C-alpha atoms as a PDB file:
ATOM      1  CA  UNK A   1      12.448   4.387  12.692  1.00  0.00           C
ATOM      2  CA  UNK A   2      10.795   1.020  13.484  1.00  0.00           C
ATOM      3  CA  UNK A   3       9.019   0.182  16.737  1.00  0.00           C
ATOM      4  CA  UNK A   4      11.810  -2.103  17.989  1.00  0.00           C
ATOM      5  CA  UNK A   5      14.334   0.721  17.786  1.00  0.00           C
ATOM      6  CA  UNK A   6      11.923   3.097  19.489  1.00  0.00           C
ATOM      7  CA  UNK A   7      11.434   0.568  22.271  1.00  0.00           C
ATOM      8  CA  UNK A   8      15.184   0.123  22.695  1.00  0.00           C
ATOM      9  CA  UNK A   9      15.718   3.873  22.872  1.00  0.00           C
ATOM     10  CA  UNK A  10      13.254   4.093  25.756  1.00  0.00           C
ATOM     11  CA  UNK A  11      14.876   1.163  27.547  1.00  0.00           C
ATOM     12  CA  UNK A  12      18.322   2.738  27.227  1.00  0.00           C
ATOM     13  CA  UNK A  13      17.008   5.986  28.662  1.00  0.00           C
ATOM     14  CA  UNK A  14      15.340   4.259  31.614  1.00  0.00           C
ATOM     15  CA  UNK A  15      18.376   2.140  32.483  1.00  0.00           C
ATOM     16  CA  UNK A  16      19.680   4.677  35.009  1.00  0.00           C
ATOM     17  CA  UNK A  17      16.169   5.735  36.129  1.00  0.00           C
ATOM     18  CA  UNK A  18      16.620   9.301  34.940  1.00  0.00           C
ATOM     19  CA  UNK A  19      16.040  11.362  31.811  1.00  0.00           C
ATOM     20  CA  UNK A  20      19.141  13.470  31.272  1.00  0.00           C
ATOM     21  CA  UNK A  21      19.056  16.812  29.492  1.00  0.00           C
ATOM     22  CA  UNK A  22      20.785  15.223  26.512  1.00  0.00           C
ATOM     23  CA  UNK A  23      18.233  12.404  26.403  1.00  0.00           C
ATOM     24  CA  UNK A  24      15.401  14.921  26.674  1.00  0.00           C
ATOM     25  CA  UNK A  25      16.784  16.889  23.719  1.00  0.00           C
ATOM     26  CA  UNK A  26      17.170  13.686  21.700  1.00  0.00           C
ATOM     27  CA  UNK A  27      13.616  12.642  22.561  1.00  0.00           C
ATOM     28  CA  UNK A  28      12.292  16.062  21.600  1.00  0.00           C
ATOM     29  CA  UNK A  29      14.094  15.895  18.258  1.00  0.00           C
ATOM     30  CA  UNK A  30      12.918  12.340  17.701  1.00  0.00           C
ATOM     31  CA  UNK A  31       9.329  13.243  18.529  1.00  0.00           C
ATOM     32  CA  UNK A  32       9.310  16.038  15.959  1.00  0.00           C
ATOM     33  CA  UNK A  33      10.125  13.482  13.244  1.00  0.00           C
ATOM     34  CA  UNK A  34       7.678  10.734  14.265  1.00  0.00           C
ATOM     35  CA  UNK A  35       4.133   9.997  13.174  1.00  0.00           C
ATOM     36  CA  UNK A  36       1.190  10.168  15.563  1.00  0.00           C
ATOM     37  CA  UNK A  37       1.143   6.352  15.774  1.00  0.00           C
ATOM     38  CA  UNK A  38       4.834   6.218  16.662  1.00  0.00           C
ATOM     39  CA  UNK A  39       4.428   8.821  19.398  1.00  0.00           C
ATOM     40  CA  UNK A  40       1.441   6.879  20.750  1.00  0.00           C
ATOM     41  CA  UNK A  41       3.586   3.738  20.779  1.00  0.00           C
ATOM     42  CA  UNK A  42       6.329   5.515  22.732  1.00  0.00           C
ATOM     43  CA  UNK A  43       3.844   6.749  25.318  1.00  0.00           C
ATOM     44  CA  UNK A  44       2.355   3.276  25.795  1.00  0.00           C
ATOM     45  CA  UNK A  45       5.775   1.630  26.027  1.00  0.00           C
ATOM     46  CA  UNK A  46       6.958   4.198  28.572  1.00  0.00           C
ATOM     47  CA  UNK A  47       4.033   3.304  30.847  1.00  0.00           C
ATOM     48  CA  UNK A  48       4.655  -0.424  30.344  1.00  0.00           C
ATOM     49  CA  UNK A  49       8.354  -0.150  31.180  1.00  0.00           C
ATOM     50  CA  UNK A  50       7.629   1.810  34.332  1.00  0.00           C
ATOM     51  CA  UNK A  51       5.094  -0.798  35.436  1.00  0.00           C
ATOM     52  CA  UNK A  52       7.794  -3.455  35.076  1.00  0.00           C
ATOM     53  CA  UNK A  53      10.304  -1.477  37.152  1.00  0.00           C
ATOM     54  CA  UNK A  54       7.764  -0.569  39.815  1.00  0.00           C
ATOM     55  CA  UNK A  55       7.759  -4.129  41.076  1.00  0.00           C
ATOM     56  CA  UNK A  56      10.802  -3.024  43.063  1.00  0.00           C
ATOM     57  CA  UNK A  57       9.657  -0.422  45.633  1.00  0.00           C
ATOM     58  CA  UNK A  58      12.940   1.491  45.431  1.00  0.00           C
ATOM     59  CA  UNK A  59      12.384   2.098  41.716  1.00  0.00           C
ATOM     60  CA  UNK A  60       8.889   3.553  41.969  1.00  0.00           C
ATOM     61  CA  UNK A  61       9.690   7.210  42.655  1.00  0.00           C
ATOM     62  CA  UNK A  62      12.545   7.682  40.129  1.00  0.00           C
ATOM     63  CA  UNK A  63      10.669   5.663  37.495  1.00  0.00           C
ATOM     64  CA  UNK A  64       7.554   7.811  37.865  1.00  0.00           C
ATOM     65  CA  UNK A  65       9.650  10.966  37.610  1.00  0.00           C
ATOM     66  CA  UNK A  66      11.259   9.607  34.425  1.00  0.00           C
ATOM     67  CA  UNK A  67       7.800   8.777  33.048  1.00  0.00           C
ATOM     68  CA  UNK A  68       6.493  12.262  33.797  1.00  0.00           C
ATOM     69  CA  UNK A  69       9.406  13.869  31.952  1.00  0.00           C
ATOM     70  CA  UNK A  70       9.056  11.542  28.956  1.00  0.00           C
ATOM     71  CA  UNK A  71       5.310  12.170  28.634  1.00  0.00           C
ATOM     72  CA  UNK A  72       5.727  15.942  28.906  1.00  0.00           C
ATOM     73  CA  UNK A  73       8.412  15.881  26.218  1.00  0.00           C
ATOM     74  CA  UNK A  74       6.307  13.733  23.875  1.00  0.00           C
ATOM     75  CA  UNK A  75       3.207  15.860  24.472  1.00  0.00           C
ATOM     76  CA  UNK A  76       5.140  18.962  23.482  1.00  0.00           C
ATOM     77  CA  UNK A  77       6.184  17.211  20.258  1.00  0.00           C
ATOM     78  CA  UNK A  78       2.705  15.979  19.368  1.00  0.00           C
ATOM     79  CA  UNK A  79       1.038  19.372  19.852  1.00  0.00           C
ATOM     80  CA  UNK A  80       3.439  21.872  18.290  1.00  0.00           C
ATOM     81  CA  UNK A  81       2.646  25.542  18.439  1.00  0.00           C
ATOM     82  CA  UNK A  82       2.272  26.749  14.874  1.00  0.00           C
ATOM     83  CA  UNK A  83       2.570  30.394  13.939  1.00  0.00           C
ATOM     84  CA  UNK A  84       1.020  31.043  10.562  1.00  0.00           C
ATOM     85  CA  UNK A  85       3.022  33.177   8.180  1.00  0.00           C
ATOM     86  CA  UNK A  86       0.931  35.452   5.972  1.00  0.00           C
ATOM     87  CA  UNK A  87       1.366  38.808   4.257  1.00  0.00           C
ATOM     88  CA  UNK A  88      -0.574  40.912   1.742  1.00  0.00           C
ATOM     89  CA  UNK A  89       0.947  43.114  -0.956  1.00  0.00           C
ATOM     90  CA  UNK A  90      -0.582  45.644  -3.336  1.00  0.00           C
ATOM     91  CA  UNK A  91       0.306  47.678  -6.418  1.00  0.00           C
ATOM     92  CA  UNK A  92       0.894  50.063  -8.072  1.00  0.00           C
ATOM     93  CA  UNK A  93       4.185  50.316  -6.284  1.00  0.00           C
ATOM     94  CA  UNK A  94       7.066  47.980  -5.546  1.00  0.00           C
ATOM     95  CA  UNK A  95       5.500  45.830  -2.812  1.00  0.00           C
ATOM     96  CA  UNK A  96       4.388  42.912  -5.014  1.00  0.00           C
ATOM     97  CA  UNK A  97       7.486  42.818  -7.194  1.00  0.00           C
ATOM     98  CA  UNK A  98       9.774  43.149  -4.186  1.00  0.00           C
ATOM     99  CA  UNK A  99       8.067  40.225  -2.455  1.00  0.00           C
ATOM    100  CA  UNK A 100       8.428  37.974  -5.503  1.00  0.00           C
ATOM    101  CA  UNK A 101      12.070  38.965  -5.816  1.00  0.00           C
ATOM    102  CA  UNK A 102      12.708  38.241  -2.130  1.00  0.00           C
ATOM    103  CA  UNK A 103      11.004  34.841  -2.288  1.00  0.00           C
ATOM    104  CA  UNK A 104      13.053  33.871  -5.334  1.00  0.00           C
ATOM    105  CA  UNK A 105      16.274  34.870  -3.591  1.00  0.00           C
ATOM    106  CA  UNK A 106      15.341  32.998  -0.414  1.00  0.00           C
ATOM    107  CA  UNK A 107      14.352  29.770  -2.205  1.00  0.00           C
ATOM    108  CA  UNK A 108      16.710  26.868  -1.551  1.00  0.00           C
ATOM    109  CA  UNK A 109      15.080  23.802  -3.106  1.00  0.00           C
ATOM    110  CA  UNK A 110      12.264  24.549  -5.535  1.00  0.00           C
ATOM    111  CA  UNK A 111      10.259  27.304  -7.207  1.00  0.00           C
ATOM    112  CA  UNK A 112       7.095  26.365  -9.123  1.00  0.00           C
ATOM    113  CA  UNK A 113       5.586  29.288 -11.043  1.00  0.00           C
ATOM    114  CA  UNK A 114       2.196  29.177 -12.750  1.00  0.00           C
ATOM    115  CA  UNK A 115       1.386  32.580 -14.237  1.00  0.00           C
ATOM    116  CA  UNK A 116      -0.509  33.971 -17.202  1.00  0.00           C
ATOM    117  CA  UNK A 117       2.390  36.016 -18.494  1.00  0.00           C
ATOM    118  CA  UNK A 118       5.942  37.072 -17.621  1.00  0.00           C
ATOM    119  CA  UNK A 119       7.323  40.251 -19.151  1.00  0.00           C
ATOM    120  CA  UNK A 120       8.997  42.040 -16.249  1.00  0.00           C
ATOM    121  CA  UNK A 121      12.734  41.711 -16.894  1.00  0.00           C
ATOM    122  CA  UNK A 122      13.538  42.094 -13.207  1.00  0.00           C
ATOM    123  CA  UNK A 123      11.387  39.102 -12.289  1.00  0.00           C
ATOM    124  CA  UNK A 124      12.604  37.049 -15.251  1.00  0.00           C
ATOM    125  CA  UNK A 125      16.184  37.623 -14.151  1.00  0.00           C
ATOM    126  CA  UNK A 126      15.299  36.445 -10.623  1.00  0.00           C
ATOM    127  CA  UNK A 127      13.775  33.262 -12.058  1.00  0.00           C
ATOM    128  CA  UNK A 128      16.907  32.627 -14.097  1.00  0.00           C
ATOM    129  CA  UNK A 129      19.134  33.313 -11.081  1.00  0.00           C
ATOM    130  CA  UNK A 130      17.237  30.656  -9.107  1.00  0.00           C
ATOM    131  CA  UNK A 131      17.737  28.163 -11.913  1.00  0.00           C
ATOM    132  CA  UNK A 132      21.432  28.959 -12.263  1.00  0.00           C
ATOM    133  CA  UNK A 133      22.199  28.460  -8.584  1.00  0.00           C
ATOM    134  CA  UNK A 134      20.690  24.970  -8.613  1.00  0.00           C
ATOM    135  CA  UNK A 135      17.157  25.567  -7.360  1.00  0.00           C
ATOM    136  CA  UNK A 136      14.625  23.342  -9.160  1.00  0.00           C
ATOM    137  CA  UNK A 137      12.559  25.834 -11.158  1.00  0.00           C
ATOM    138  CA  UNK A 138       9.453  25.009 -13.205  1.00  0.00           C
ATOM    139  CA  UNK A 139       7.330  27.547 -15.066  1.00  0.00           C
ATOM    140  CA  UNK A 140       3.849  27.158 -16.576  1.00  0.00           C
ATOM    141  CA  UNK A 141       2.416  29.957 -18.721  1.00  0.00           C
ATOM    142  CA  UNK A 142      -0.196  30.771 -21.366  1.00  0.00           C
ATOM    143  CA  UNK A 143       0.325  29.773 -24.980  1.00  0.00           C
ATOM    144  CA  UNK A 144      -0.906  33.040 -26.488  1.00  0.00           C
ATOM    145  CA  UNK A 145       0.853  35.425 -24.113  1.00  0.00           C
ATOM    146  CA  UNK A 146       4.258  33.954 -24.947  1.00  0.00           C
ATOM    147  CA  UNK A 147       4.122  35.774 -28.280  1.00  0.00           C
ATOM    148  CA  UNK A 148       3.313  39.203 -26.832  1.00  0.00           C
ATOM    149  CA  UNK A 149       5.841  41.977 -27.334  1.00  0.00           C
ATOM    150  CA  UNK A 150       8.170  41.975 -24.356  1.00  0.00           C
ATOM    151  CA  UNK A 151       7.310  38.455 -23.225  1.00  0.00           C
ATOM    152  CA  UNK A 152      10.234  36.719 -21.514  1.00  0.00           C
ATOM    153  CA  UNK A 153       8.889  33.183 -21.921  1.00  0.00           C
ATOM    154  CA  UNK A 154      11.068  32.274 -24.896  1.00  0.00           C
ATOM    155  CA  UNK A 155      14.075  33.966 -23.281  1.00  0.00           C
ATOM    156  CA  UNK A 156      13.668  31.800 -20.169  1.00  0.00           C
ATOM    157  CA  UNK A 157      13.274  28.690 -22.314  1.00  0.00           C
ATOM    158  CA  UNK A 158      16.429  29.544 -24.260  1.00  0.00           C
ATOM    159  CA  UNK A 159      18.297  29.902 -20.952  1.00  0.00           C
ATOM    160  CA  UNK A 160      17.335  26.352 -20.005  1.00  0.00           C
ATOM    161  CA  UNK A 161      14.577  27.043 -17.481  1.00  0.00           C
ATOM    162  CA  UNK A 162      12.084  24.115 -17.524  1.00  0.00           C
ATOM    163  CA  UNK A 163       8.915  25.595 -18.973  1.00  0.00           C
ATOM    164  CA  UNK A 164       5.561  24.295 -20.216  1.00  0.00           C
ATOM    165  CA  UNK A 165       2.789  26.090 -22.081  1.00  0.00           C
ATOM    166  CA  UNK A 166      -0.933  25.350 -22.105  1.00  0.00           C
ATOM    167  CA  UNK A 167      -2.367  23.938 -25.302  1.00  0.00           C
ATOM    168  CA  UNK A 168      -6.090  24.665 -25.011  1.00  0.00           C
ATOM    169  CA  UNK A 169      -8.244  27.223 -26.823  1.00  0.00           C
ATOM    170  CA  UNK A 170      -8.737  29.156 -23.594  1.00  0.00           C
ATOM    171  CA  UNK A 171      -6.311  30.955 -21.329  1.00  0.00           C
ATOM    172  CA  UNK A 172      -4.177  29.464 -18.566  1.00  0.00           C
ATOM    173  CA  UNK A 173      -5.000  32.403 -16.336  1.00  0.00           C
ATOM    174  CA  UNK A 174      -3.515  31.372 -12.985  1.00  0.00           C
ATOM    175  CA  UNK A 175      -1.145  33.668 -11.107  1.00  0.00           C
ATOM    176  CA  UNK A 176       0.412  31.653  -8.309  1.00  0.00           C
ATOM    177  CA  UNK A 177       3.785  30.289  -7.263  1.00  0.00           C
ATOM    178  CA  UNK A 178       5.132  27.849  -4.671  1.00  0.00           C
ATOM    179  CA  UNK A 179       8.474  28.360  -2.945  1.00  0.00           C
ATOM    180  CA  UNK A 180      10.285  25.392  -1.364  1.00  0.00           C
ATOM    181  CA  UNK A 181       6.894  23.716  -0.952  1.00  0.00           C
ATOM    182  CA  UNK A 182       6.248  25.862   2.123  1.00  0.00           C
ATOM    183  CA  UNK A 183       5.080  29.263   0.878  1.00  0.00           C
ATOM    184  CA  UNK A 184       2.207  29.977  -1.507  1.00  0.00           C
ATOM    185  CA  UNK A 185       2.009  33.220  -3.478  1.00  0.00           C
ATOM    186  CA  UNK A 186      -1.337  33.944  -5.128  1.00  0.00           C
ATOM    187  CA  UNK A 187      -3.307  36.956  -6.342  1.00  0.00           C
ATOM    188  CA  UNK A 188      -4.250  39.105  -9.311  1.00  0.00           C
ATOM    189  CA  UNK A 189      -0.694  40.338  -9.916  1.00  0.00           C
ATOM    190  CA  UNK A 190       0.625  39.549 -13.404  1.00  0.00           C
ATOM    191  CA  UNK A 191       4.404  39.328 -13.631  1.00  0.00           C
ATOM    192  CA  UNK A 192       4.587  42.401 -15.875  1.00  0.00           C
ATOM    193  CA  UNK A 193       6.036  45.880 -15.571  1.00  0.00           C
ATOM    194  CA  UNK A 194       2.603  47.527 -15.793  1.00  0.00           C
ATOM    195  CA  UNK A 195       1.364  45.428 -12.869  1.00  0.00           C
ATOM    196  CA  UNK A 196       3.971  47.195 -10.742  1.00  0.00           C
ATOM    197  CA  UNK A 197       3.832  50.688 -12.215  1.00  0.00           C
ATOM    198  CA  UNK A 198       0.165  51.166 -13.132  1.00  0.00           C
ATOM    199  CA  UNK A 199      -2.359  48.455 -12.285  1.00  0.00           C
ATOM    200  CA  UNK A 200      -4.341  47.914  -9.094  1.00  0.00           C
ATOM    201  CA  UNK A 201      -3.161  44.420  -8.143  1.00  0.00           C
ATOM    202  CA  UNK A 202      -2.701  42.226  -5.096  1.00  0.00           C
ATOM    203  CA  UNK A 203      -0.652  39.303  -3.825  1.00  0.00           C
ATOM    204  CA  UNK A 204      -1.136  37.091  -0.785  1.00  0.00           C
ATOM    205  CA  UNK A 205       1.730  35.019   0.634  1.00  0.00           C
ATOM    206  CA  UNK A 206       0.810  32.289   3.112  1.00  0.00           C
ATOM    207  CA  UNK A 207       2.196  29.037   4.526  1.00  0.00           C
ATOM    208  CA  UNK A 208      -1.165  27.302   5.157  1.00  0.00           C
ATOM    209  CA  UNK A 209      -0.513  23.519   4.741  1.00  0.00           C
ATOM    210  CA  UNK A 210      -3.859  22.634   3.146  1.00  0.00           C
ATOM    211  CA  UNK A 211      -3.700  25.488   0.650  1.00  0.00           C
ATOM    212  CA  UNK A 212      -0.118  24.568  -0.207  1.00  0.00           C
ATOM    213  CA  UNK A 213      -1.199  20.981  -0.857  1.00  0.00           C
ATOM    214  CA  UNK A 214      -4.146  22.074  -3.016  1.00  0.00           C
ATOM    215  CA  UNK A 215      -2.076  24.423  -5.155  1.00  0.00           C
ATOM    216  CA  UNK A 216       0.777  21.927  -5.448  1.00  0.00           C
ATOM    217  CA  UNK A 217      -1.717  19.341  -6.691  1.00  0.00           C
ATOM    218  CA  UNK A 218      -3.043  21.787  -9.289  1.00  0.00           C
ATOM    219  CA  UNK A 219       0.477  22.646 -10.433  1.00  0.00           C
ATOM    220  CA  UNK A 220       1.420  18.981 -10.847  1.00  0.00           C
ATOM    221  CA  UNK A 221      -1.800  18.346 -12.775  1.00  0.00           C
ATOM    222  CA  UNK A 222      -1.076  21.171 -15.217  1.00  0.00           C
ATOM    223  CA  UNK A 223       2.592  20.229 -15.508  1.00  0.00           C
ATOM    224  CA  UNK A 224       1.597  16.706 -16.532  1.00  0.00           C
ATOM    225  CA  UNK A 225      -1.166  17.922 -18.859  1.00  0.00           C
ATOM    226  CA  UNK A 226       1.204  20.208 -20.771  1.00  0.00           C
ATOM    227  CA  UNK A 227       4.033  17.671 -21.005  1.00  0.00           C
ATOM    228  CA  UNK A 228       4.040  17.873 -24.808  1.00  0.00           C
ATOM    229  CA  UNK A 229       4.460  21.647 -24.786  1.00  0.00           C
ATOM    230  CA  UNK A 230       7.928  22.070 -23.298  1.00  0.00           C
END
């Protein structure tokens, strides 16, 4: 939204010298979608408009009340309370596999998976189910592990899941995934049956914005690097 439209929205709200509940809700929704600069502009314009109206003594009290409500609403938008989502999971046992399965089922837009190996049929079927219901799925895995007995890499490729393999002499040893760009899964857990039934493994799931950005950047870098190995 440009500054002229923001200015007009404030003027329309101030026309009757009151901020209605509906206008407050609209302003709150608007504020949640604006940049810091746009919110700063709205605050400054609100003060300027009230100064203009205050030339008429009868307008001073209702205009100041309107200004107070606008500023409180904008302040609430510019300093949101954020509750971090984080959970830890360990194996042997079903905790890690169950969490991956749940995240796959909850995904609505995208699932980016970057793991050393995939040989757990239950997890492979969840990946395929995501792909088949229209979620954008991308998988990166290791070139050597795709040939292991029980590997599901070729099976996923044959089912149409977008998949790229590393091409270097060393291993692509990552074990992380991104769900809808808002949840990061990372840890030692390989997506194998033995990781669930036998190995001591761990997974951390977190929604930390900076970590999400860092891992997304790494995924995109690898996806581009392995473009010839689809």
